[in-house]
Amino acid sequence: MALIRRSWTAHEADEWTREDWVAIAISPTCYVLLTIGLALSLLLQTSGYVMLAAGIVLTVLMHYVIDPKLRAVSAEYERKQQAYLNQLEAQVRWKDTDSEDL
C-alpha cells in the first residue's frame, strides 16, 4: 500500500483520510517557514534562505498530497453543476409554440 494515495473517486475524496491530516499538519508549517524565511532572506541571513527553501519544499509536498483529492471533488462538482444548468435551461427555455398562442 502506498504511503500517499494519488487516485480518488469523488465520494472517497469527500471523506477524511490520512492525506487530509498530513495537509493540515504541513500547512501552518509552510506558512511560518515561508514568512520567516522570506523576512530573514531579505535581511541576507543564511538561516532565512534555509527556511525559505524548506517552506517551498513543504509547500510542493503539500500540493502533491492534497491536489488529487481536490481535483476529484472539483470534477464531480463541475459535473453536477453542468447537469443542473442543463436542467434549468430546459425548464426556462422559450418555446416557439408558446409565443404563437398570444
PDB file of N, CA and C in Angstrom:
ATOM      1  N   MET A   1       0.845  -1.184   0.000  1.00  0.00           N
ATOM      2  CA  MET A   1       0.000   0.000   0.000  1.00  0.00           C
ATOM      3  C   MET A   1       0.888   1.245   0.000  1.00  0.00           C
ATOM      4  N   ALA A   2       0.553   2.196  -0.838  1.00  0.00           N
ATOM      5  CA  ALA A   2       1.328   3.424  -0.957  1.00  0.00           C
ATOM      6  C   ALA A   2       1.124   4.310   0.270  1.00  0.00           C
ATOM      7  N   LEU A   3       2.154   5.045   0.597  1.00  0.00           N
ATOM      8  CA  LEU A   3       2.076   5.940   1.747  1.00  0.00           C
ATOM      9  C   LEU A   3       1.082   7.074   1.485  1.00  0.00           C
ATOM     10  N   ILE A   4       1.108   7.607   0.272  1.00  0.00           N
ATOM     11  CA  ILE A   4       0.201   8.684  -0.131  1.00  0.00           C
ATOM     12  C   ILE A   4      -0.623   8.193  -1.312  1.00  0.00           C
ATOM     13  N   ARG A   5      -1.914   8.207  -1.175  1.00  0.00           N
ATOM     14  CA  ARG A   5      -2.819   7.755  -2.233  1.00  0.00           C
ATOM     15  C   ARG A   5      -2.989   8.868  -3.256  1.00  0.00           C
ATOM     16  N   ARG A   6      -2.930   8.515  -4.555  1.00  0.00           N
ATOM     17  CA  ARG A   6      -2.973   9.514  -5.616  1.00  0.00           C
ATOM     18  C   ARG A   6      -4.235   9.464  -6.479  1.00  0.00           C
ATOM     19  N   SER A   7      -5.039   8.412  -6.387  1.00  0.00           N
ATOM     20  CA  SER A   7      -6.251   8.345  -7.208  1.00  0.00           C
ATOM     21  C   SER A   7      -7.470   8.223  -6.305  1.00  0.00           C
ATOM     22  N   TRP A   8      -8.476   9.025  -6.613  1.00  0.00           N
ATOM     23  CA  TRP A   8      -9.663   9.108  -5.767  1.00  0.00           C
ATOM     24  C   TRP A   8     -10.915   9.174  -6.622  1.00  0.00           C
ATOM     25  N   THR A   9     -11.995   8.614  -6.095  1.00  0.00           N
ATOM     26  CA  THR A   9     -13.311   8.927  -6.642  1.00  0.00           C
ATOM     27  C   THR A   9     -13.828  10.118  -5.833  1.00  0.00           C
ATOM     28  N   ALA A  10     -14.857  10.754  -6.327  1.00  0.00           N
ATOM     29  CA  ALA A  10     -15.377  11.934  -5.636  1.00  0.00           C
ATOM     30  C   ALA A  10     -15.890  11.579  -4.243  1.00  0.00           C
ATOM     31  N   HIS A  11     -16.548  10.438  -4.133  1.00  0.00           N
ATOM     32  CA  HIS A  11     -17.084  10.026  -2.827  1.00  0.00           C
ATOM     33  C   HIS A  11     -15.953   9.725  -1.842  1.00  0.00           C
ATOM     34  N   GLU A  12     -14.925   9.039  -2.306  1.00  0.00           N
ATOM     35  CA  GLU A  12     -13.783   8.724  -1.437  1.00  0.00           C
ATOM     36  C   GLU A  12     -13.045   9.994  -1.017  1.00  0.00           C
ATOM     37  N   ALA A  13     -12.918  10.932  -1.946  1.00  0.00           N
ATOM     38  CA  ALA A  13     -12.183  12.165  -1.659  1.00  0.00           C
ATOM     39  C   ALA A  13     -12.921  13.050  -0.664  1.00  0.00           C
ATOM     40  N   ASP A  14     -14.211  12.854  -0.544  1.00  0.00           N
ATOM     41  CA  ASP A  14     -15.017  13.671   0.370  1.00  0.00           C
ATOM     42  C   ASP A  14     -14.846  13.242   1.829  1.00  0.00           C
ATOM     43  N   GLU A  15     -14.304  12.065   2.051  1.00  0.00           N
ATOM     44  CA  GLU A  15     -14.095  11.545   3.400  1.00  0.00           C
ATOM     45  C   GLU A  15     -12.747  12.014   3.945  1.00  0.00           C
ATOM     46  N   TRP A  16     -12.651  12.116   5.274  1.00  0.00           N
ATOM     47  CA  TRP A  16     -11.385  12.486   5.920  1.00  0.00           C
ATOM     48  C   TRP A  16     -10.454  11.289   5.900  1.00  0.00           C
ATOM     49  N   THR A  17      -9.219  11.528   5.445  1.00  0.00           N
ATOM     50  CA  THR A  17      -8.223  10.465   5.370  1.00  0.00           C
ATOM     51  C   THR A  17      -6.881  10.961   5.902  1.00  0.00           C
ATOM     52  N   ARG A  18      -5.917  10.084   5.850  1.00  0.00           N
ATOM     53  CA  ARG A  18      -4.561  10.419   6.287  1.00  0.00           C
ATOM     54  C   ARG A  18      -4.001  11.606   5.501  1.00  0.00           C
ATOM     55  N   GLU A  19      -4.322  11.689   4.226  1.00  0.00           N
ATOM     56  CA  GLU A  19      -3.815  12.783   3.391  1.00  0.00           C
ATOM     57  C   GLU A  19      -4.307  14.142   3.888  1.00  0.00           C
ATOM     58  N   ASP A  20      -5.537  14.198   4.368  1.00  0.00           N
ATOM     59  CA  ASP A  20      -6.056  15.452   4.917  1.00  0.00           C
ATOM     60  C   ASP A  20      -5.277  15.866   6.161  1.00  0.00           C
ATOM     61  N   TRP A  21      -4.984  14.898   7.019  1.00  0.00           N
ATOM     62  CA  TRP A  21      -4.249  15.198   8.240  1.00  0.00           C
ATOM     63  C   TRP A  21      -2.814  15.620   7.939  1.00  0.00           C
ATOM     64  N   VAL A  22      -2.222  15.022   6.912  1.00  0.00           N
ATOM     65  CA  VAL A  22      -0.872  15.435   6.506  1.00  0.00           C
ATOM     66  C   VAL A  22      -0.900  16.887   6.028  1.00  0.00           C
ATOM     67  N   ALA A  23      -1.892  17.224   5.206  1.00  0.00           N
ATOM     68  CA  ALA A  23      -2.013  18.596   4.713  1.00  0.00           C
ATOM     69  C   ALA A  23      -2.272  19.580   5.854  1.00  0.00           C
ATOM     70  N   ILE A  24      -3.074  19.172   6.826  1.00  0.00           N
ATOM     71  CA  ILE A  24      -3.350  20.037   7.976  1.00  0.00           C
ATOM     72  C   ILE A  24      -2.080  20.281   8.784  1.00  0.00           C
ATOM     73  N   ALA A  25      -1.251  19.274   8.922  1.00  0.00           N
ATOM     74  CA  ALA A  25      -0.010  19.426   9.683  1.00  0.00           C
ATOM     75  C   ALA A  25       1.027  20.247   8.929  1.00  0.00           C
ATOM     76  N   ILE A  26       1.098  20.056   7.621  1.00  0.00           N
ATOM     77  CA  ILE A  26       2.123  20.748   6.829  1.00  0.00           C
ATOM     78  C   ILE A  26       1.756  22.209   6.574  1.00  0.00           C
ATOM     79  N   SER A  27       0.494  22.507   6.414  1.00  0.00           N
ATOM     80  CA  SER A  27       0.061  23.844   6.012  1.00  0.00           C
ATOM     81  C   SER A  27       0.571  24.976   6.916  1.00  0.00           C
ATOM     82  N   PRO A  28       0.349  24.941   8.223  1.00  0.00           N
ATOM     83  CA  PRO A  28       0.856  26.052   9.040  1.00  0.00           C
ATOM     84  C   PRO A  28       2.384  26.102   9.082  1.00  0.00           C
ATOM     85  N   THR A  29       3.012  24.938   8.995  1.00  0.00           N
ATOM     86  CA  THR A  29       4.471  24.905   8.964  1.00  0.00           C
ATOM     87  C   THR A  29       4.995  25.606   7.716  1.00  0.00           C
ATOM     88  N   CYS A  30       4.353  25.360   6.579  1.00  0.00           N
ATOM     89  CA  CYS A  30       4.739  26.038   5.336  1.00  0.00           C
ATOM     90  C   CYS A  30       4.590  27.554   5.479  1.00  0.00           C
ATOM     91  N   TYR A  31       3.461  27.959   6.011  1.00  0.00           N
ATOM     92  CA  TYR A  31       3.188  29.387   6.160  1.00  0.00           C
ATOM     93  C   TYR A  31       4.258  30.063   7.017  1.00  0.00           C
ATOM     94  N   VAL A  32       4.579  29.462   8.146  1.00  0.00           N
ATOM     95  CA  VAL A  32       5.576  30.043   9.048  1.00  0.00           C
ATOM     96  C   VAL A  32       6.954  30.057   8.393  1.00  0.00           C
ATOM     97  N   LEU A  33       7.344  28.946   7.794  1.00  0.00           N
ATOM     98  CA  LEU A  33       8.666  28.887   7.170  1.00  0.00           C
ATOM     99  C   LEU A  33       8.793  29.878   6.015  1.00  0.00           C
ATOM    100  N   LEU A  34       7.753  29.992   5.206  1.00  0.00           N
ATOM    101  CA  LEU A  34       7.808  30.938   4.086  1.00  0.00           C
ATOM    102  C   LEU A  34       7.855  32.382   4.582  1.00  0.00           C
ATOM    103  N   THR A  35       7.061  32.691   5.575  1.00  0.00           N
ATOM    104  CA  THR A  35       7.010  34.062   6.088  1.00  0.00           C
ATOM    105  C   THR A  35       8.326  34.468   6.746  1.00  0.00           C
ATOM    106  N   ILE A  36       8.780  33.648   7.683  1.00  0.00           N
ATOM    107  CA  ILE A  36      10.018  33.977   8.393  1.00  0.00           C
ATOM    108  C   ILE A  36      11.215  33.853   7.451  1.00  0.00           C
ATOM    109  N   GLY A  37      11.193  32.834   6.609  1.00  0.00           N
ATOM    110  CA  GLY A  37      12.288  32.644   5.661  1.00  0.00           C
ATOM    111  C   GLY A  37      12.432  33.808   4.702  1.00  0.00           C
ATOM    112  N   LEU A  38      11.320  34.332   4.212  1.00  0.00           N
ATOM    113  CA  LEU A  38      11.385  35.482   3.306  1.00  0.00           C
ATOM    114  C   LEU A  38      11.906  36.716   4.032  1.00  0.00           C
ATOM    115  N   ALA A  39      11.408  36.936   5.240  1.00  0.00           N
ATOM    116  CA  ALA A  39      11.863  38.105   6.001  1.00  0.00           C
ATOM    117  C   ALA A  39      13.364  38.028   6.284  1.00  0.00           C
ATOM    118  N   LEU A  40      13.837  36.880   6.715  1.00  0.00           N
ATOM    119  CA  LEU A  40      15.261  36.742   7.001  1.00  0.00           C
ATOM    120  C   LEU A  40      16.107  36.758   5.726  1.00  0.00           C
ATOM    121  N   SER A  41      15.562  36.246   4.637  1.00  0.00           N
ATOM    122  CA  SER A  41      16.281  36.297   3.360  1.00  0.00           C
ATOM    123  C   SER A  41      16.457  37.731   2.901  1.00  0.00           C
ATOM    124  N   LEU A  42      15.438  38.557   3.106  1.00  0.00           N
ATOM    125  CA  LEU A  42      15.558  39.972   2.739  1.00  0.00           C
ATOM    126  C   LEU A  42      16.623  40.676   3.579  1.00  0.00           C
ATOM    127  N   LEU A  43      16.877  40.129   4.782  1.00  0.00           N
ATOM    128  CA  LEU A  43      17.931  40.665   5.638  1.00  0.00           C
ATOM    129  C   LEU A  43      19.270  39.966   5.386  1.00  0.00           C
ATOM    130  N   LEU A  44      19.304  39.136   4.342  1.00  0.00           N
ATOM    131  CA  LEU A  44      20.507  38.416   3.910  1.00  0.00           C
ATOM    132  C   LEU A  44      21.055  37.472   4.982  1.00  0.00           C
ATOM    133  N   GLN A  45      20.156  36.834   5.723  1.00  0.00           N
ATOM    134  CA  GLN A  45      20.542  35.853   6.732  1.00  0.00           C
ATOM    135  C   GLN A  45      20.519  34.457   6.104  1.00  0.00           C
ATOM    136  N   THR A  46      21.549  33.672   6.351  1.00  0.00           N
ATOM    137  CA  THR A  46      21.635  32.323   5.797  1.00  0.00           C
ATOM    138  C   THR A  46      20.478  31.455   6.284  1.00  0.00           C
ATOM    139  N   SER A  47      20.119  31.594   7.539  1.00  0.00           N
ATOM    140  CA  SER A  47      19.011  30.794   8.072  1.00  0.00           C
ATOM    141  C   SER A  47      17.704  31.109   7.336  1.00  0.00           C
ATOM    142  N   GLY A  48      17.563  32.335   6.851  1.00  0.00           N
ATOM    143  CA  GLY A  48      16.378  32.700   6.084  1.00  0.00           C
ATOM    144  C   GLY A  48      16.293  31.942   4.776  1.00  0.00           C
ATOM    145  N   TYR A  49      17.423  31.783   4.111  1.00  0.00           N
ATOM    146  CA  TYR A  49      17.441  31.026   2.856  1.00  0.00           C
ATOM    147  C   TYR A  49      17.094  29.566   3.093  1.00  0.00           C
ATOM    148  N   VAL A  50      17.589  29.015   4.187  1.00  0.00           N
ATOM    149  CA  VAL A  50      17.296  27.620   4.519  1.00  0.00           C
ATOM    150  C   VAL A  50      15.810  27.456   4.835  1.00  0.00           C
ATOM    151  N   MET A  51      15.268  28.375   5.640  1.00  0.00           N
ATOM    152  CA  MET A  51      13.836  28.302   5.975  1.00  0.00           C
ATOM    153  C   MET A  51      12.964  28.496   4.742  1.00  0.00           C
ATOM    154  N   LEU A  52      13.348  29.412   3.892  1.00  0.00           N
ATOM    155  CA  LEU A  52      12.586  29.652   2.667  1.00  0.00           C
ATOM    156  C   LEU A  52      12.604  28.422   1.769  1.00  0.00           C
ATOM    157  N   ALA A  53      13.755  27.811   1.619  1.00  0.00           N
ATOM    158  CA  ALA A  53      13.858  26.585   0.809  1.00  0.00           C
ATOM    159  C   ALA A  53      13.021  25.462   1.422  1.00  0.00           C
ATOM    160  N   ALA A  54      13.091  25.307   2.742  1.00  0.00           N
ATOM    161  CA  ALA A  54      12.294  24.265   3.407  1.00  0.00           C
ATOM    162  C   ALA A  54      10.801  24.542   3.238  1.00  0.00           C
ATOM    163  N   GLY A  55      10.404  25.799   3.321  1.00  0.00           N
ATOM    164  CA  GLY A  55       8.999  26.157   3.124  1.00  0.00           C
ATOM    165  C   GLY A  55       8.516  25.851   1.722  1.00  0.00           C
ATOM    166  N   ILE A  56       9.372  26.110   0.741  1.00  0.00           N
ATOM    167  CA  ILE A  56       8.999  25.821  -0.651  1.00  0.00           C
ATOM    168  C   ILE A  56       8.873  24.316  -0.859  1.00  0.00           C
ATOM    169  N   VAL A  57       9.815  23.550  -0.325  1.00  0.00           N
ATOM    170  CA  VAL A  57       9.757  22.086  -0.457  1.00  0.00           C
ATOM    171  C   VAL A  57       8.499  21.536   0.216  1.00  0.00           C
ATOM    172  N   LEU A  58       8.178  22.019   1.410  1.00  0.00           N
ATOM    173  CA  LEU A  58       6.978  21.541   2.106  1.00  0.00           C
ATOM    174  C   LEU A  58       5.693  21.960   1.380  1.00  0.00           C
ATOM    175  N   THR A  59       5.699  23.136   0.766  1.00  0.00           N
ATOM    176  CA  THR A  59       4.532  23.566   0.005  1.00  0.00           C
ATOM    177  C   THR A  59       4.306  22.659  -1.200  1.00  0.00           C
ATOM    178  N   VAL A  60       5.377  22.297  -1.889  1.00  0.00           N
ATOM    179  CA  VAL A  60       5.266  21.368  -3.023  1.00  0.00           C
ATOM    180  C   VAL A  60       4.784  20.008  -2.538  1.00  0.00           C
ATOM    181  N   LEU A  61       5.301  19.547  -1.404  1.00  0.00           N
ATOM    182  CA  LEU A  61       4.857  18.273  -0.835  1.00  0.00           C
ATOM    183  C   LEU A  61       3.375  18.316  -0.482  1.00  0.00           C
ATOM    184  N   MET A  62       2.921  19.404   0.124  1.00  0.00           N
ATOM    185  CA  MET A  62       1.511  19.530   0.478  1.00  0.00           C
ATOM    186  C   MET A  62       0.636  19.504  -0.778  1.00  0.00           C
ATOM    187  N   HIS A  63       1.079  20.193  -1.816  1.00  0.00           N
ATOM    188  CA  HIS A  63       0.333  20.185  -3.078  1.00  0.00           C
ATOM    189  C   HIS A  63       0.276  18.766  -3.653  1.00  0.00           C
ATOM    190  N   TYR A  64       1.373  18.056  -3.593  1.00  0.00           N
ATOM    191  CA  TYR A  64       1.440  16.680  -4.088  1.00  0.00           C
ATOM    192  C   TYR A  64       0.458  15.783  -3.332  1.00  0.00           C
ATOM    193  N   VAL A  65       0.327  16.001  -2.039  1.00  0.00           N
ATOM    194  CA  VAL A  65      -0.520  15.144  -1.195  1.00  0.00           C
ATOM    195  C   VAL A  65      -2.000  15.439  -1.406  1.00  0.00           C
ATOM    196  N   ILE A  66      -2.394  16.705  -1.406  1.00  0.00           N
ATOM    197  CA  ILE A  66      -3.821  17.047  -1.347  1.00  0.00           C
ATOM    198  C   ILE A  66      -4.446  17.330  -2.718  1.00  0.00           C
ATOM    199  N   ASP A  67      -3.655  17.650  -3.716  1.00  0.00           N
ATOM    200  CA  ASP A  67      -4.209  18.023  -5.021  1.00  0.00           C
ATOM    201  C   ASP A  67      -5.076  16.938  -5.672  1.00  0.00           C
ATOM    202  N   PRO A  68      -4.704  15.655  -5.648  1.00  0.00           N
ATOM    203  CA  PRO A  68      -5.581  14.644  -6.267  1.00  0.00           C
ATOM    204  C   PRO A  68      -6.985  14.597  -5.643  1.00  0.00           C
ATOM    205  N   LYS A  69      -7.070  14.775  -4.327  1.00  0.00           N
ATOM    206  CA  LYS A  69      -8.386  14.788  -3.676  1.00  0.00           C
ATOM    207  C   LYS A  69      -9.187  16.002  -4.123  1.00  0.00           C
ATOM    208  N   LEU A  70      -8.546  17.155  -4.176  1.00  0.00           N
ATOM    209  CA  LEU A  70      -9.249  18.374  -4.581  1.00  0.00           C
ATOM    210  C   LEU A  70      -9.722  18.286  -6.025  1.00  0.00           C
ATOM    211  N   ARG A  71      -8.912  17.703  -6.889  1.00  0.00           N
ATOM    212  CA  ARG A  71      -9.310  17.549  -8.292  1.00  0.00           C
ATOM    213  C   ARG A  71     -10.513  16.612  -8.436  1.00  0.00           C
ATOM    214  N   ALA A  72     -10.527  15.535  -7.658  1.00  0.00           N
ATOM    215  CA  ALA A  72     -11.648  14.588  -7.728  1.00  0.00           C
ATOM    216  C   ALA A  72     -12.945  15.240  -7.278  1.00  0.00           C
ATOM    217  N   VAL A  73     -12.905  15.973  -6.189  1.00  0.00           N
ATOM    218  CA  VAL A  73     -14.102  16.646  -5.684  1.00  0.00           C
ATOM    219  C   VAL A  73     -14.534  17.737  -6.663  1.00  0.00           C
ATOM    220  N   SER A  74     -13.586  18.470  -7.207  1.00  0.00           N
ATOM    221  CA  SER A  74     -13.892  19.543  -8.134  1.00  0.00           C
ATOM    222  C   SER A  74     -14.526  19.011  -9.425  1.00  0.00           C
ATOM    223  N   ALA A  75     -14.007  17.917  -9.944  1.00  0.00           N
ATOM    224  CA  ALA A  75     -14.564  17.331 -11.171  1.00  0.00           C
ATOM    225  C   ALA A  75     -16.007  16.894 -10.948  1.00  0.00           C
ATOM    226  N   GLU A  76     -16.291  16.286  -9.812  1.00  0.00           N
ATOM    227  CA  GLU A  76     -17.659  15.856  -9.503  1.00  0.00           C
ATOM    228  C   GLU A  76     -18.580  17.068  -9.357  1.00  0.00           C
ATOM    229  N   TYR A  77     -18.104  18.108  -8.686  1.00  0.00           N
ATOM    230  CA  TYR A  77     -18.903  19.320  -8.524  1.00  0.00           C
ATOM    231  C   TYR A  77     -19.214  19.940  -9.885  1.00  0.00           C
ATOM    232  N   GLU A  78     -18.224  20.033 -10.756  1.00  0.00           N
ATOM    233  CA  GLU A  78     -18.446  20.612 -12.079  1.00  0.00           C
ATOM    234  C   GLU A  78     -19.442  19.791 -12.883  1.00  0.00           C
ATOM    235  N   ARG A  79     -19.380  18.468 -12.762  1.00  0.00           N
ATOM    236  CA  ARG A  79     -20.329  17.611 -13.475  1.00  0.00           C
ATOM    237  C   ARG A  79     -21.747  17.856 -12.974  1.00  0.00           C
ATOM    238  N   LYS A  80     -21.927  17.927 -11.657  1.00  0.00           N
ATOM    239  CA  LYS A  80     -23.254  18.187 -11.093  1.00  0.00           C
ATOM    240  C   LYS A  80     -23.750  19.581 -11.457  1.00  0.00           C
ATOM    241  N   GLN A  81     -22.861  20.551 -11.446  1.00  0.00           N
ATOM    242  CA  GLN A  81     -23.238  21.924 -11.797  1.00  0.00           C
ATOM    243  C   GLN A  81     -23.691  22.003 -13.249  1.00  0.00           C
ATOM    244  N   GLN A  82     -22.987  21.317 -14.159  1.00  0.00           N
ATOM    245  CA  GLN A  82     -23.380  21.326 -15.573  1.00  0.00           C
ATOM    246  C   GLN A  82     -24.729  20.652 -15.764  1.00  0.00           C
ATOM    247  N   ALA A  83     -24.975  19.552 -15.071  1.00  0.00           N
ATOM    248  CA  ALA A  83     -26.275  18.873 -15.168  1.00  0.00           C
ATOM    249  C   ALA A  83     -27.392  19.785 -14.656  1.00  0.00           C
ATOM    250  N   TYR A  84     -27.133  20.500 -13.563  1.00  0.00           N
ATOM    251  CA  TYR A  84     -28.126  21.426 -13.025  1.00  0.00           C
ATOM    252  C   TYR A  84     -28.402  22.559 -14.008  1.00  0.00           C
ATOM    253  N   LEU A  85     -27.362  23.118 -14.600  1.00  0.00           N
ATOM    254  CA  LEU A  85     -27.560  24.215 -15.564  1.00  0.00           C
ATOM    255  C   LEU A  85     -28.318  23.739 -16.797  1.00  0.00           C
ATOM    256  N   ASN A  86     -28.032  22.530 -17.256  1.00  0.00           N
ATOM    257  CA  ASN A  86     -28.779  21.988 -18.399  1.00  0.00           C
ATOM    258  C   ASN A  86     -30.248  21.792 -18.045  1.00  0.00           C
ATOM    259  N   GLN A  87     -30.528  21.305 -16.845  1.00  0.00           N
ATOM    260  CA  GLN A  87     -31.905  21.114 -16.396  1.00  0.00           C
ATOM    261  C   GLN A  87     -32.608  22.464 -16.269  1.00  0.00           C
ATOM    262  N   LEU A  88     -31.947  23.435 -15.697  1.00  0.00           N
ATOM    263  CA  LEU A  88     -32.526  24.760 -15.523  1.00  0.00           C
ATOM    264  C   LEU A  88     -32.814  25.413 -16.871  1.00  0.00           C
ATOM    265  N   GLU A  89     -31.888  25.267 -17.811  1.00  0.00           N
ATOM    266  CA  GLU A  89     -32.093  25.842 -19.138  1.00  0.00           C
ATOM    267  C   GLU A  89     -33.279  25.184 -19.836  1.00  0.00           C
ATOM    268  N   ALA A  90     -33.435  23.894 -19.676  1.00  0.00           N
ATOM    269  CA  ALA A  90     -34.562  23.190 -20.284  1.00  0.00           C
ATOM    270  C   ALA A  90     -35.887  23.660 -19.682  1.00  0.00           C
ATOM    271  N   GLN A  91     -35.906  24.022 -18.425  1.00  0.00           N
ATOM    272  CA  GLN A  91     -37.137  24.463 -17.774  1.00  0.00           C
ATOM    273  C   GLN A  91     -37.540  25.875 -18.176  1.00  0.00           C
ATOM    274  N   VAL A  92     -36.589  26.743 -18.400  1.00  0.00           N
ATOM    275  CA  VAL A  92     -36.924  28.143 -18.665  1.00  0.00           C
ATOM    276  C   VAL A  92     -36.772  28.535 -20.127  1.00  0.00           C
ATOM    277  N   ARG A  93     -36.466  27.580 -20.989  1.00  0.00           N
ATOM    278  CA  ARG A  93     -36.272  27.869 -22.408  1.00  0.00           C
ATOM    279  C   ARG A  93     -37.597  28.328 -23.025  1.00  0.00           C
ATOM    280  N   TRP A  94     -37.508  29.356 -23.862  1.00  0.00           N
ATOM    281  CA  TRP A  94     -38.694  29.849 -24.569  1.00  0.00           C
ATOM    282  C   TRP A  94     -39.096  28.849 -25.632  1.00  0.00           C
ATOM    283  N   LYS A  95     -40.372  28.609 -25.728  1.00  0.00           N
ATOM    284  CA  LYS A  95     -40.895  27.699 -26.746  1.00  0.00           C
ATOM    285  C   LYS A  95     -41.545  28.546 -27.841  1.00  0.00           C
ATOM    286  N   ASP A  96     -41.295  28.175 -29.094  1.00  0.00           N
ATOM    287  CA  ASP A  96     -41.906  28.900 -30.209  1.00  0.00           C
ATOM    288  C   ASP A  96     -43.423  28.725 -30.200  1.00  0.00           C
ATOM    289  N   THR A  97     -43.897  27.586 -29.770  1.00  0.00           N
ATOM    290  CA  THR A  97     -45.338  27.343 -29.739  1.00  0.00           C
ATOM    291  C   THR A  97     -46.028  28.210 -28.709  1.00  0.00           C
ATOM    292  N   ASP A  98     -45.362  28.559 -27.613  1.00  0.00           N
ATOM    293  CA  ASP A  98     -45.970  29.410 -26.599  1.00  0.00           C
ATOM    294  C   ASP A  98     -46.167  30.814 -27.124  1.00  0.00           C
ATOM    295  N   SER A  99     -45.239  31.335 -27.911  1.00  0.00           N
ATOM    296  CA  SER A  99     -45.361  32.702 -28.416  1.00  0.00           C
ATOM    297  C   SER A  99     -46.406  32.789 -29.515  1.00  0.00           C
ATOM    298  N   GLU A 100     -46.696  31.696 -30.208  1.00  0.00           N
ATOM    299  CA  GLU A 100     -47.717  31.713 -31.253  1.00  0.00           C
ATOM    300  C   GLU A 100     -49.129  31.778 -30.675  1.00  0.00           C
ATOM    301  N   ASP A 101     -49.295  31.310 -29.441  1.00  0.00           N
ATOM    302  CA  ASP A 101     -50.615  31.290 -28.802  1.00  0.00           C
ATOM    303  C   ASP A 101     -51.065  32.711 -28.429  1.00  0.00           C
ATOM    304  N   LEU A 102     -50.149  33.655 -28.286  1.00  0.00           N
ATOM    305  CA  LEU A 102     -50.512  35.008 -27.894  1.00  0.00           C
ATOM    306  C   LEU A 102     -51.100  35.699 -29.032  1.00  0.00           C
TER     307      LEU A 102
END
